[in-house]
C-alpha atoms as a PDB file:
ATOM      1  CA  UNK A   1      -9.384 -18.270   3.473  1.00  0.00           C
ATOM      2  CA  UNK A   2     -12.912 -17.070   2.708  1.00  0.00           C
ATOM      3  CA  UNK A   3     -15.685 -16.115   5.124  1.00  0.00           C
ATOM      4  CA  UNK A   4     -17.671 -19.152   3.973  1.00  0.00           C
ATOM      5  CA  UNK A   5     -14.895 -21.683   4.566  1.00  0.00           C
ATOM      6  CA  UNK A   6     -14.037 -20.200   7.975  1.00  0.00           C
ATOM      7  CA  UNK A   7     -17.667 -20.479   9.103  1.00  0.00           C
ATOM      8  CA  UNK A   8     -17.809 -24.087   7.921  1.00  0.00           C
ATOM      9  CA  UNK A   9     -14.632 -25.068   9.748  1.00  0.00           C
ATOM     10  CA  UNK A  10     -15.596 -23.463  13.093  1.00  0.00           C
ATOM     11  CA  UNK A  11     -18.106 -25.522  15.047  1.00  0.00           C
ATOM     12  CA  UNK A  12     -19.869 -22.722  16.932  1.00  0.00           C
ATOM     13  CA  UNK A  13     -19.722 -20.146  14.146  1.00  0.00           C
ATOM     14  CA  UNK A  14     -22.840 -19.019  12.262  1.00  0.00           C
ATOM     15  CA  UNK A  15     -23.262 -19.747   8.576  1.00  0.00           C
ATOM     16  CA  UNK A  16     -21.436 -17.600   6.071  1.00  0.00           C
ATOM     17  CA  UNK A  17     -24.703 -16.078   4.842  1.00  0.00           C
ATOM     18  CA  UNK A  18     -25.807 -15.207   8.365  1.00  0.00           C
ATOM     19  CA  UNK A  19     -22.455 -13.601   9.168  1.00  0.00           C
ATOM     20  CA  UNK A  20     -22.626 -11.450   6.037  1.00  0.00           C
ATOM     21  CA  UNK A  21     -26.203 -10.433   6.900  1.00  0.00           C
ATOM     22  CA  UNK A  22     -25.186  -9.386  10.419  1.00  0.00           C
ATOM     23  CA  UNK A  23     -22.165  -7.489   9.114  1.00  0.00           C
ATOM     24  CA  UNK A  24     -24.255  -5.652   6.527  1.00  0.00           C
ATOM     25  CA  UNK A  25     -26.767  -4.630   9.218  1.00  0.00           C
ATOM     26  CA  UNK A  26     -24.317  -3.698  11.979  1.00  0.00           C
ATOM     27  CA  UNK A  27     -21.470  -2.029  10.112  1.00  0.00           C
ATOM     28  CA  UNK A  28     -21.533   1.761   9.682  1.00  0.00           C
ATOM     29  CA  UNK A  29     -21.518   3.277   6.225  1.00  0.00           C
ATOM     30  CA  UNK A  30     -18.324   3.269   4.222  1.00  0.00           C
ATOM     31  CA  UNK A  31     -17.136   6.666   5.459  1.00  0.00           C
ATOM     32  CA  UNK A  32     -17.847   5.733   9.067  1.00  0.00           C
ATOM     33  CA  UNK A  33     -16.003   2.426   8.791  1.00  0.00           C
ATOM     34  CA  UNK A  34     -13.071   4.185   7.153  1.00  0.00           C
ATOM     35  CA  UNK A  35     -12.838   6.610  10.089  1.00  0.00           C
ATOM     36  CA  UNK A  36     -12.912   3.759  12.596  1.00  0.00           C
ATOM     37  CA  UNK A  37     -10.200   1.820  10.784  1.00  0.00           C
ATOM     38  CA  UNK A  38      -7.986   4.894  10.622  1.00  0.00           C
ATOM     39  CA  UNK A  39      -8.535   5.371  14.343  1.00  0.00           C
ATOM     40  CA  UNK A  40      -7.336   1.801  14.940  1.00  0.00           C
ATOM     41  CA  UNK A  41      -4.225   2.396  12.820  1.00  0.00           C
ATOM     42  CA  UNK A  42      -3.407   5.414  14.959  1.00  0.00           C
ATOM     43  CA  UNK A  43      -3.796   3.434  18.183  1.00  0.00           C
ATOM     44  CA  UNK A  44      -1.573   0.648  16.836  1.00  0.00           C
ATOM     45  CA  UNK A  45       1.494   2.822  16.373  1.00  0.00           C
ATOM     46  CA  UNK A  46       4.344   1.939  18.692  1.00  0.00           C
ATOM     47  CA  UNK A  47       4.962   4.530  21.463  1.00  0.00           C
ATOM     48  CA  UNK A  48       8.450   5.113  20.079  1.00  0.00           C
ATOM     49  CA  UNK A  49       6.878   6.501  16.891  1.00  0.00           C
ATOM     50  CA  UNK A  50       5.217   9.332  18.816  1.00  0.00           C
ATOM     51  CA  UNK A  51       8.421  10.051  20.729  1.00  0.00           C
ATOM     52  CA  UNK A  52      10.486  10.246  17.546  1.00  0.00           C
ATOM     53  CA  UNK A  53      11.638  13.797  16.843  1.00  0.00           C
ATOM     54  CA  UNK A  54      12.820  13.043  13.313  1.00  0.00           C
ATOM     55  CA  UNK A  55      10.806  13.626  10.167  1.00  0.00           C
ATOM     56  CA  UNK A  56       9.310  10.568   8.477  1.00  0.00           C
ATOM     57  CA  UNK A  57       9.626   9.170   4.980  1.00  0.00           C
ATOM     58  CA  UNK A  58       6.104   8.648   3.665  1.00  0.00           C
ATOM     59  CA  UNK A  59       4.660   6.491   0.887  1.00  0.00           C
ATOM     60  CA  UNK A  60       1.292   7.121  -0.741  1.00  0.00           C
ATOM     61  CA  UNK A  61       0.025   4.353  -2.950  1.00  0.00           C
ATOM     62  CA  UNK A  62      -2.962   2.561  -4.425  1.00  0.00           C
ATOM     63  CA  UNK A  63      -3.764  -1.103  -4.173  1.00  0.00           C
ATOM     64  CA  UNK A  64      -6.279  -2.540  -6.639  1.00  0.00           C
ATOM     65  CA  UNK A  65      -8.061  -5.816  -5.873  1.00  0.00           C
ATOM     66  CA  UNK A  66      -9.598  -7.506  -8.945  1.00  0.00           C
ATOM     67  CA  UNK A  67     -13.392  -7.704  -8.869  1.00  0.00           C
ATOM     68  CA  UNK A  68     -15.544  -9.985 -11.010  1.00  0.00           C
ATOM     69  CA  UNK A  69     -19.120  -8.792 -10.786  1.00  0.00           C
ATOM     70  CA  UNK A  70     -21.529  -5.887 -10.832  1.00  0.00           C
ATOM     71  CA  UNK A  71     -21.501  -2.888  -8.457  1.00  0.00           C
ATOM     72  CA  UNK A  72     -23.434  -3.341  -5.218  1.00  0.00           C
ATOM     73  CA  UNK A  73     -25.307  -0.027  -5.281  1.00  0.00           C
ATOM     74  CA  UNK A  74     -23.276   2.605  -7.119  1.00  0.00           C
ATOM     75  CA  UNK A  75     -21.104   2.464 -10.237  1.00  0.00           C
ATOM     76  CA  UNK A  76     -18.514   4.597  -8.428  1.00  0.00           C
ATOM     77  CA  UNK A  77     -17.666   1.595  -6.219  1.00  0.00           C
ATOM     78  CA  UNK A  78     -15.668   0.063  -9.081  1.00  0.00           C
ATOM     79  CA  UNK A  79     -12.534   1.617 -10.571  1.00  0.00           C
ATOM     80  CA  UNK A  80     -11.009   0.734 -13.931  1.00  0.00           C
ATOM     81  CA  UNK A  81      -7.403  -0.121 -14.675  1.00  0.00           C
ATOM     82  CA  UNK A  82      -5.196  -2.274 -16.896  1.00  0.00           C
ATOM     83  CA  UNK A  83      -6.313  -5.930 -17.147  1.00  0.00           C
ATOM     84  CA  UNK A  84      -5.336  -8.189 -14.245  1.00  0.00           C
ATOM     85  CA  UNK A  85      -6.665 -11.609 -13.260  1.00  0.00           C
ATOM     86  CA  UNK A  86      -9.028 -11.535 -16.218  1.00  0.00           C
ATOM     87  CA  UNK A  87     -10.752  -8.240 -15.413  1.00  0.00           C
ATOM     88  CA  UNK A  88     -10.409  -4.485 -15.745  1.00  0.00           C
ATOM     89  CA  UNK A  89     -12.687  -3.845 -12.744  1.00  0.00           C
ATOM     90  CA  UNK A  90     -11.237  -3.354  -9.272  1.00  0.00           C
ATOM     91  CA  UNK A  91     -11.967  -2.175  -5.778  1.00  0.00           C
ATOM     92  CA  UNK A  92      -9.372   0.503  -5.086  1.00  0.00           C
ATOM     93  CA  UNK A  93      -7.789   1.515  -1.793  1.00  0.00           C
ATOM     94  CA  UNK A  94      -5.304   4.281  -1.069  1.00  0.00           C
ATOM     95  CA  UNK A  95      -2.893   3.782   1.806  1.00  0.00           C
ATOM     96  CA  UNK A  96      -0.481   6.064   3.586  1.00  0.00           C
ATOM     97  CA  UNK A  97       2.565   4.451   5.211  1.00  0.00           C
ATOM     98  CA  UNK A  98       5.465   5.796   7.238  1.00  0.00           C
ATOM     99  CA  UNK A  99       8.939   4.299   7.444  1.00  0.00           C
ATOM    100  CA  UNK A 100      10.989   4.370  10.628  1.00  0.00           C
ATOM    101  CA  UNK A 101      14.145   2.306  11.184  1.00  0.00           C
ATOM    102  CA  UNK A 102      13.248   0.118   8.173  1.00  0.00           C
ATOM    103  CA  UNK A 103       9.825  -0.647   9.676  1.00  0.00           C
ATOM    104  CA  UNK A 104       6.672   0.210   7.760  1.00  0.00           C
ATOM    105  CA  UNK A 105       3.450   1.258   9.447  1.00  0.00           C
ATOM    106  CA  UNK A 106       0.168   1.791   7.623  1.00  0.00           C
ATOM    107  CA  UNK A 107      -1.327   4.934   9.166  1.00  0.00           C
ATOM    108  CA  UNK A 108      -4.291   5.663   6.880  1.00  0.00           C
ATOM    109  CA  UNK A 109      -6.612   3.849   4.486  1.00  0.00           C
ATOM    110  CA  UNK A 110      -9.123   5.276   2.038  1.00  0.00           C
ATOM    111  CA  UNK A 111     -11.652   3.665  -0.299  1.00  0.00           C
ATOM    112  CA  UNK A 112     -11.235   5.009  -3.834  1.00  0.00           C
ATOM    113  CA  UNK A 113     -14.216   5.822  -6.021  1.00  0.00           C
ATOM    114  CA  UNK A 114     -14.345   5.831  -9.803  1.00  0.00           C
ATOM    115  CA  UNK A 115     -13.311   9.174 -11.260  1.00  0.00           C
ATOM    116  CA  UNK A 116     -11.278  10.392  -8.283  1.00  0.00           C
ATOM    117  CA  UNK A 117      -8.198  12.342  -9.295  1.00  0.00           C
ATOM    118  CA  UNK A 118      -4.758  11.325  -8.052  1.00  0.00           C
ATOM    119  CA  UNK A 119      -4.243  14.882  -6.839  1.00  0.00           C
ATOM    120  CA  UNK A 120      -7.292  14.587  -4.562  1.00  0.00           C
ATOM    121  CA  UNK A 121      -5.925  11.358  -3.084  1.00  0.00           C
ATOM    122  CA  UNK A 122      -2.552  12.973  -2.395  1.00  0.00           C
ATOM    123  CA  UNK A 123      -4.214  16.054  -0.877  1.00  0.00           C
ATOM    124  CA  UNK A 124      -6.308  13.872   1.465  1.00  0.00           C
ATOM    125  CA  UNK A 125      -3.246  11.814   2.431  1.00  0.00           C
ATOM    126  CA  UNK A 126      -1.170  14.871   3.322  1.00  0.00           C
ATOM    127  CA  UNK A 127      -4.014  16.339   5.377  1.00  0.00           C
ATOM    128  CA  UNK A 128      -4.365  13.040   7.227  1.00  0.00           C
ATOM    129  CA  UNK A 129      -0.657  13.046   8.070  1.00  0.00           C
ATOM    130  CA  UNK A 130      -0.949  16.627   9.279  1.00  0.00           C
ATOM    131  CA  UNK A 131      -3.853  15.682  11.551  1.00  0.00           C
ATOM    132  CA  UNK A 132      -1.629  12.970  13.067  1.00  0.00           C
ATOM    133  CA  UNK A 133       1.101  15.579  13.646  1.00  0.00           C
ATOM    134  CA  UNK A 134       3.672  13.722  11.536  1.00  0.00           C
ATOM    135  CA  UNK A 135       6.446  15.825  10.048  1.00  0.00           C
ATOM    136  CA  UNK A 136       7.205  14.727   6.509  1.00  0.00           C
ATOM    137  CA  UNK A 137      10.791  14.321   5.367  1.00  0.00           C
ATOM    138  CA  UNK A 138       9.960  13.216   1.839  1.00  0.00           C
ATOM    139  CA  UNK A 139       7.125  11.540  -0.018  1.00  0.00           C
ATOM    140  CA  UNK A 140       7.580   8.478  -2.227  1.00  0.00           C
ATOM    141  CA  UNK A 141       4.930   7.945  -4.878  1.00  0.00           C
ATOM    142  CA  UNK A 142       4.266   5.309  -7.505  1.00  0.00           C
ATOM    143  CA  UNK A 143       4.646   6.278 -11.163  1.00  0.00           C
ATOM    144  CA  UNK A 144       0.849   6.436 -11.433  1.00  0.00           C
ATOM    145  CA  UNK A 145       1.008   9.692  -9.456  1.00  0.00           C
ATOM    146  CA  UNK A 146       3.432  11.338 -11.877  1.00  0.00           C
ATOM    147  CA  UNK A 147       1.300  14.227 -13.159  1.00  0.00           C
ATOM    148  CA  UNK A 148       1.122  18.017 -13.079  1.00  0.00           C
ATOM    149  CA  UNK A 149      -1.854  18.245 -10.643  1.00  0.00           C
ATOM    150  CA  UNK A 150      -0.081  15.976  -8.137  1.00  0.00           C
ATOM    151  CA  UNK A 151       3.128  18.013  -8.354  1.00  0.00           C
ATOM    152  CA  UNK A 152       1.123  21.181  -7.697  1.00  0.00           C
ATOM    153  CA  UNK A 153      -0.468  19.680  -4.575  1.00  0.00           C
ATOM    154  CA  UNK A 154       2.937  18.580  -3.273  1.00  0.00           C
ATOM    155  CA  UNK A 155       4.330  22.040  -3.974  1.00  0.00           C
ATOM    156  CA  UNK A 156       1.443  23.685  -2.102  1.00  0.00           C
ATOM    157  CA  UNK A 157       2.280  21.550   0.945  1.00  0.00           C
ATOM    158  CA  UNK A 158       6.025  22.192   0.495  1.00  0.00           C
ATOM    159  CA  UNK A 159       6.643  18.445   0.415  1.00  0.00           C
ATOM    160  CA  UNK A 160       9.881  16.936  -0.851  1.00  0.00           C
ATOM    161  CA  UNK A 161       9.139  14.004  -3.160  1.00  0.00           C
ATOM    162  CA  UNK A 162      10.534  11.294  -5.418  1.00  0.00           C
ATOM    163  CA  UNK A 163       8.431   9.564  -8.070  1.00  0.00           C
ATOM    164  CA  UNK A 164       9.422   7.598 -11.195  1.00  0.00           C
ATOM    165  CA  UNK A 165       8.675   9.097 -14.578  1.00  0.00           C
ATOM    166  CA  UNK A 166       6.732   6.564 -16.698  1.00  0.00           C
ATOM    167  CA  UNK A 167       8.537   5.321 -19.799  1.00  0.00           C
ATOM    168  CA  UNK A 168       6.126   4.920 -22.704  1.00  0.00           C
ATOM    169  CA  UNK A 169       6.760   3.888 -26.272  1.00  0.00           C
ATOM    170  CA  UNK A 170      10.032   2.920 -27.923  1.00  0.00           C
ATOM    171  CA  UNK A 171      11.299   6.436 -28.539  1.00  0.00           C
ATOM    172  CA  UNK A 172      10.729  10.034 -27.528  1.00  0.00           C
ATOM    173  CA  UNK A 173       9.404  11.244 -24.216  1.00  0.00           C
ATOM    174  CA  UNK A 174      11.627  10.603 -21.227  1.00  0.00           C
ATOM    175  CA  UNK A 175      13.748   8.218 -23.326  1.00  0.00           C
ATOM    176  CA  UNK A 176      15.489  11.269 -24.781  1.00  0.00           C
ATOM    177  CA  UNK A 177      17.254  11.582 -21.408  1.00  0.00           C
ATOM    178  CA  UNK A 178      18.622   8.035 -21.525  1.00  0.00           C
ATOM    179  CA  UNK A 179      22.080   8.851 -22.848  1.00  0.00           C
ATOM    180  CA  UNK A 180      25.437   9.748 -21.400  1.00  0.00           C
ATOM    181  CA  UNK A 181      25.940   9.352 -17.664  1.00  0.00           C
ATOM    182  CA  UNK A 182      23.678   9.390 -14.631  1.00  0.00           C
ATOM    183  CA  UNK A 183      22.897  13.018 -13.877  1.00  0.00           C
ATOM    184  CA  UNK A 184      20.526  15.681 -12.630  1.00  0.00           C
ATOM    185  CA  UNK A 185      18.530  17.533 -15.241  1.00  0.00           C
ATOM    186  CA  UNK A 186      15.038  18.846 -15.963  1.00  0.00           C
ATOM    187  CA  UNK A 187      12.144  17.287 -17.828  1.00  0.00           C
ATOM    188  CA  UNK A 188       9.051  18.904 -19.332  1.00  0.00           C
ATOM    189  CA  UNK A 189       5.769  17.018 -19.362  1.00  0.00           C
ATOM    190  CA  UNK A 190       3.498  17.846 -22.276  1.00  0.00           C
ATOM    191  CA  UNK A 191       0.036  16.592 -21.378  1.00  0.00           C
ATOM    192  CA  UNK A 192      -2.940  17.212 -23.707  1.00  0.00           C
ATOM    193  CA  UNK A 193      -5.129  17.546 -20.599  1.00  0.00           C
ATOM    194  CA  UNK A 194      -2.889  19.497 -18.205  1.00  0.00           C
ATOM    195  CA  UNK A 195      -0.474  21.268 -20.557  1.00  0.00           C
ATOM    196  CA  UNK A 196       3.279  21.684 -20.102  1.00  0.00           C
ATOM    197  CA  UNK A 197       5.019  21.384 -16.753  1.00  0.00           C
ATOM    198  CA  UNK A 198       8.758  21.296 -16.035  1.00  0.00           C
ATOM    199  CA  UNK A 199      10.201  19.424 -13.059  1.00  0.00           C
ATOM    200  CA  UNK A 200      13.619  18.617 -11.687  1.00  0.00           C
ATOM    201  CA  UNK A 201      14.637  15.158 -12.812  1.00  0.00           C
ATOM    202  CA  UNK A 202      17.292  12.598 -11.958  1.00  0.00           C
ATOM    203  CA  UNK A 203      18.418  10.052 -14.541  1.00  0.00           C
ATOM    204  CA  UNK A 204      20.211   6.932 -13.325  1.00  0.00           C
ATOM    205  CA  UNK A 205      21.887   4.158 -15.287  1.00  0.00           C
ATOM    206  CA  UNK A 206      22.250   0.876 -13.399  1.00  0.00           C
ATOM    207  CA  UNK A 207      24.132  -2.259 -14.425  1.00  0.00           C
ATOM    208  CA  UNK A 208      22.734  -5.694 -13.636  1.00  0.00           C
ATOM    209  CA  UNK A 209      26.172  -7.311 -13.243  1.00  0.00           C
ATOM    210  CA  UNK A 210      24.727 -10.745 -13.855  1.00  0.00           C
ATOM    211  CA  UNK A 211      21.920 -10.482 -11.304  1.00  0.00           C
ATOM    212  CA  UNK A 212      18.811 -12.455 -12.276  1.00  0.00           C
ATOM    213  CA  UNK A 213      20.681 -13.675 -15.355  1.00  0.00           C
ATOM    214  CA  UNK A 214      20.862 -10.177 -16.883  1.00  0.00           C
ATOM    215  CA  UNK A 215      24.044  -8.591 -18.184  1.00  0.00           C
ATOM    216  CA  UNK A 216      22.984  -5.166 -19.375  1.00  0.00           C
ATOM    217  CA  UNK A 217      22.251  -1.682 -18.122  1.00  0.00           C
ATOM    218  CA  UNK A 218      18.858  -0.172 -17.365  1.00  0.00           C
ATOM    219  CA  UNK A 219      17.804   3.453 -17.147  1.00  0.00           C
ATOM    220  CA  UNK A 220      15.634   4.995 -14.449  1.00  0.00           C
ATOM    221  CA  UNK A 221      14.156   8.497 -14.400  1.00  0.00           C
ATOM    222  CA  UNK A 222      12.692  10.253 -11.364  1.00  0.00           C
ATOM    223  CA  UNK A 223      10.833  13.507 -10.881  1.00  0.00           C
ATOM    224  CA  UNK A 224      12.169  15.043  -7.663  1.00  0.00           C
ATOM    225  CA  UNK A 225      11.787  18.134  -5.541  1.00  0.00           C
ATOM    226  CA  UNK A 226      13.225  19.385  -2.282  1.00  0.00           C
ATOM    227  CA  UNK A 227      16.191  17.005  -2.135  1.00  0.00           C
ATOM    228  CA  UNK A 228      19.571  18.117  -0.818  1.00  0.00           C
ATOM    229  CA  UNK A 229      21.625  19.904  -3.461  1.00  0.00           C
ATOM    230  CA  UNK A 230      24.599  17.597  -2.950  1.00  0.00           C
ATOM    231  CA  UNK A 231      22.712  14.331  -3.359  1.00  0.00           C
ATOM    232  CA  UNK A 232      24.034  12.050  -6.115  1.00  0.00           C
ATOM    233  CA  UNK A 233      21.861  10.303  -8.734  1.00  0.00           C
ATOM    234  CA  UNK A 234      22.856   6.898  -7.346  1.00  0.00           C
ATOM    235  CA  UNK A 235      21.697   8.024  -3.905  1.00  0.00           C
ATOM    236  CA  UNK A 236      18.296   8.980  -5.316  1.00  0.00           C
ATOM    237  CA  UNK A 237      18.007   5.473  -6.747  1.00  0.00           C
ATOM    238  CA  UNK A 238      18.813   3.959  -3.341  1.00  0.00           C
ATOM    239  CA  UNK A 239      16.369   6.313  -1.633  1.00  0.00           C
ATOM    240  CA  UNK A 240      13.526   5.172  -3.841  1.00  0.00           C
ATOM    241  CA  UNK A 241      14.425   1.547  -3.207  1.00  0.00           C
ATOM    242  CA  UNK A 242      12.973   2.058   0.270  1.00  0.00           C
ATOM    243  CA  UNK A 243       9.640   2.048  -1.479  1.00  0.00           C
ATOM    244  CA  UNK A 244       9.962  -1.649  -2.320  1.00  0.00           C
ATOM    245  CA  UNK A 245       9.649  -2.324   1.388  1.00  0.00           C
ATOM    246  CA  UNK A 246       6.362  -0.428   1.274  1.00  0.00           C
ATOM    247  CA  UNK A 247       5.123  -2.484  -1.649  1.00  0.00           C
ATOM    248  CA  UNK A 248       5.959  -5.708   0.190  1.00  0.00           C
ATOM    249  CA  UNK A 249       3.381  -4.677   2.805  1.00  0.00           C
ATOM    250  CA  UNK A 250       0.700  -5.082   0.115  1.00  0.00           C
ATOM    251  CA  UNK A 251       1.869  -8.601  -0.655  1.00  0.00           C
ATOM    252  CA  UNK A 252       1.852  -9.411   3.046  1.00  0.00           C
ATOM    253  CA  UNK A 253      -1.575  -7.815   3.461  1.00  0.00           C
ATOM    254  CA  UNK A 254      -2.910 -10.171   0.808  1.00  0.00           C
ATOM    255  CA  UNK A 255      -1.482 -13.132   2.739  1.00  0.00           C
ATOM    256  CA  UNK A 256      -3.871 -12.463   5.627  1.00  0.00           C
ATOM    257  CA  UNK A 257      -6.793 -10.831   3.796  1.00  0.00           C
ATOM    258  CA  UNK A 258      -9.982 -12.898   3.985  1.00  0.00           C
ATOM    259  CA  UNK A 259     -11.577 -13.594   0.618  1.00  0.00           C
ATOM    260  CA  UNK A 260     -15.259 -13.117  -0.074  1.00  0.00           C
ATOM    261  CA  UNK A 261     -17.806 -13.334  -2.868  1.00  0.00           C
ATOM    262  CA  UNK A 262     -19.955 -10.498  -1.493  1.00  0.00           C
ATOM    263  CA  UNK A 263     -20.542  -7.411  -3.617  1.00  0.00           C
ATOM    264  CA  UNK A 264     -20.876  -5.189  -0.547  1.00  0.00           C
ATOM    265  CA  UNK A 265     -17.955  -2.718  -0.664  1.00  0.00           C
ATOM    266  CA  UNK A 266     -18.282  -1.980   3.075  1.00  0.00           C
ATOM    267  CA  UNK A 267     -17.577  -5.613   3.987  1.00  0.00           C
ATOM    268  CA  UNK A 268     -14.716  -5.668   1.497  1.00  0.00           C
ATOM    269  CA  UNK A 269     -13.269  -2.495   3.042  1.00  0.00           C
ATOM    270  CA  UNK A 270     -13.527  -4.156   6.458  1.00  0.00           C
ATOM    271  CA  UNK A 271     -11.554  -7.198   5.280  1.00  0.00           C
ATOM    272  CA  UNK A 272      -8.822  -5.055   3.719  1.00  0.00           C
ATOM    273  CA  UNK A 273      -8.668  -2.883   6.836  1.00  0.00           C
ATOM    274  CA  UNK A 274      -8.416  -5.905   9.152  1.00  0.00           C
ATOM    275  CA  UNK A 275      -5.589  -7.287   7.009  1.00  0.00           C
ATOM    276  CA  UNK A 276      -3.617  -4.057   7.465  1.00  0.00           C
ATOM    277  CA  UNK A 277      -4.431  -4.133  11.201  1.00  0.00           C
ATOM    278  CA  UNK A 278      -2.834  -7.597  11.359  1.00  0.00           C
ATOM    279  CA  UNK A 279       0.157  -6.332   9.400  1.00  0.00           C
ATOM    280  CA  UNK A 280       0.682  -3.436  11.820  1.00  0.00           C
ATOM    281  CA  UNK A 281       0.296  -5.840  14.753  1.00  0.00           C
ATOM    282  CA  UNK A 282       3.003  -8.035  13.257  1.00  0.00           C
ATOM    283  CA  UNK A 283       5.373  -5.066  12.854  1.00  0.00           C
ATOM    284  CA  UNK A 284       4.752  -3.981  16.467  1.00  0.00           C
ATOM    285  CA  UNK A 285       5.348  -7.515  17.798  1.00  0.00           C
ATOM    286  CA  UNK A 286       8.610  -7.758  15.894  1.00  0.00           C
ATOM    287  CA  UNK A 287       9.727  -4.416  17.269  1.00  0.00           C
ATOM    288  CA  UNK A 288       8.908  -5.422  20.852  1.00  0.00           C
ATOM    289  CA  UNK A 289      10.669  -8.768  20.550  1.00  0.00           C
ATOM    290  CA  UNK A 290      13.692  -7.318  18.777  1.00  0.00           C
ATOM    291  CA  UNK A 291      14.143  -4.669  21.466  1.00  0.00           C
ATOM    292  CA  UNK A 292      14.205  -7.446  24.076  1.00  0.00           C
ATOM    293  CA  UNK A 293      17.083  -9.261  22.362  1.00  0.00           C
ATOM    294  CA  UNK A 294      20.654  -8.697  23.499  1.00  0.00           C
ATOM    295  CA  UNK A 295      21.932  -8.484  19.925  1.00  0.00           C
ATOM    296  CA  UNK A 296      18.914  -7.307  17.899  1.00  0.00           C
ATOM    297  CA  UNK A 297      20.807  -6.574  14.692  1.00  0.00           C
ATOM    298  CA  UNK A 298      22.229 -10.086  14.493  1.00  0.00           C
ATOM    299  CA  UNK A 299      19.159 -11.922  15.742  1.00  0.00           C
ATOM    300  CA  UNK A 300      16.620 -10.065  13.595  1.00  0.00           C
ATOM    301  CA  UNK A 301      18.193 -11.517  10.449  1.00  0.00           C
ATOM    302  CA  UNK A 302      17.039 -14.969  11.555  1.00  0.00           C
ATOM    303  CA  UNK A 303      13.889 -13.814  13.268  1.00  0.00           C
ATOM    304  CA  UNK A 304      11.433 -16.622  13.901  1.00  0.00           C
ATOM    305  CA  UNK A 305       8.298 -14.442  13.935  1.00  0.00           C
ATOM    306  CA  UNK A 306       6.790 -14.053  10.477  1.00  0.00           C
ATOM    307  CA  UNK A 307       3.414 -12.689   9.433  1.00  0.00           C
ATOM    308  CA  UNK A 308       2.300 -16.170   8.444  1.00  0.00           C
ATOM    309  CA  UNK A 309       3.196 -17.426  11.914  1.00  0.00           C
ATOM    310  CA  UNK A 310       1.249 -14.605  13.569  1.00  0.00           C
ATOM    311  CA  UNK A 311      -1.772 -15.512  11.426  1.00  0.00           C
ATOM    312  CA  UNK A 312      -1.283 -19.204  12.281  1.00  0.00           C
ATOM    313  CA  UNK A 313      -1.178 -18.497  16.031  1.00  0.00           C
ATOM    314  CA  UNK A 314      -4.300 -16.330  15.821  1.00  0.00           C
ATOM    315  CA  UNK A 315      -6.163 -18.995  13.845  1.00  0.00           C
ATOM    316  CA  UNK A 316      -5.258 -21.611  16.464  1.00  0.00           C
ATOM    317  CA  UNK A 317      -6.571 -19.344  19.235  1.00  0.00           C
ATOM    318  CA  UNK A 318      -9.846 -18.841  17.329  1.00  0.00           C
ATOM    319  CA  UNK A 319     -10.178 -22.594  16.785  1.00  0.00           C
ATOM    320  CA  UNK A 320      -9.794 -23.237  20.523  1.00  0.00           C
ATOM    321  CA  UNK A 321     -12.423 -20.584  21.233  1.00  0.00           C
ATOM    322  CA  UNK A 322     -15.006 -21.698  18.679  1.00  0.00           C
ATOM    323  CA  UNK A 323     -14.125 -25.361  18.184  1.00  0.00           C
ATOM    324  CA  UNK A 324     -13.618 -27.089  14.854  1.00  0.00           C
ATOM    325  CA  UNK A 325     -15.840 -29.333  12.767  1.00  0.00           C
ATOM    326  CA  UNK A 326     -14.678 -32.742  11.635  1.00  0.00           C
ATOM    327  CA  UNK A 327     -16.824 -32.789   8.483  1.00  0.00           C
ATOM    328  CA  UNK A 328     -16.902 -29.829   6.119  1.00  0.00           C
ATOM    329  CA  UNK A 329     -19.834 -29.618   3.724  1.00  0.00           C
ATOM    330  CA  UNK A 330     -18.809 -29.080   0.121  1.00  0.00           C
ATOM    331  CA  UNK A 331     -20.254 -25.930  -1.411  1.00  0.00           C
ATOM    332  CA  UNK A 332     -20.246 -24.706  -5.041  1.00  0.00           C
ATOM    333  CA  UNK A 333     -17.224 -22.598  -5.888  1.00  0.00           C
ATOM    334  CA  UNK A 334     -17.676 -18.845  -6.358  1.00  0.00           C
ATOM    335  CA  UNK A 335     -15.232 -16.239  -7.596  1.00  0.00           C
ATOM    336  CA  UNK A 336     -13.475 -14.852  -4.530  1.00  0.00           C
ATOM    337  CA  UNK A 337     -11.475 -11.646  -4.358  1.00  0.00           C
END
């Protein structure tokens, strides 16, 4: 739902334009809003997280939201990437998530500017985790972070990590490792910009066994560091699969993220931040309800509380508070993102 449609449907709400004007006047600058959102994420963490004496698995990632329009004030507001939804322009956000007992919590959010290096994003993320006093077990990164500067930052912080090695082209590169059996090896990156850099690598061959209609094998390659010496390649593959749970948080965030046509990046950061706040609230509610069940492992498989239901219940509460209109005025359609 967009800001405009929500204002039209709520009887006592101001107009969409007025709400955007008030937000633009009352919100702090982008850095200030980012600090406040990160403070909320910290307060949302379940008490059991702070009591946990184990180290955490951490995921650092980027989420890019397509943007159709011109920058609001500064060209650095817009980042470039591969085409998606008919555009190569995006608003970018870096998130830091922790995983505990198969539950994902977003603990930090950062607005990304054009030209920022991946290594700077990783450095900021690790410093943020340190300020929260989280001990890191290992870091999972998307393949977009697979570069020499990022590896150097991780090494400086003595962080164990797993990240896929991008496969480019039809031959050469990492494809030279795709032969024989799954194994541990080394791989040397040869970047025109950053030069040569050798890392420990794990190569895994997986068979589809008819899943999704496929009957063939597929190769995976990971750059790794700091893993136990006895870990098997198949175990590395399963470890990285935890990351898919992290990525699902982005899909769920988009389920509850309000859409807008405004060019103001501060308002857009607010909407993304509020969506992650709702996601963390949903995770905390599930944890509280599951802990109250007599057989949590069995009951959680058929758990009735979904993120969509949480959003539905909140929308009903807002409707009772503000009232609803019976007639909604039709407005011209704008590109929302």
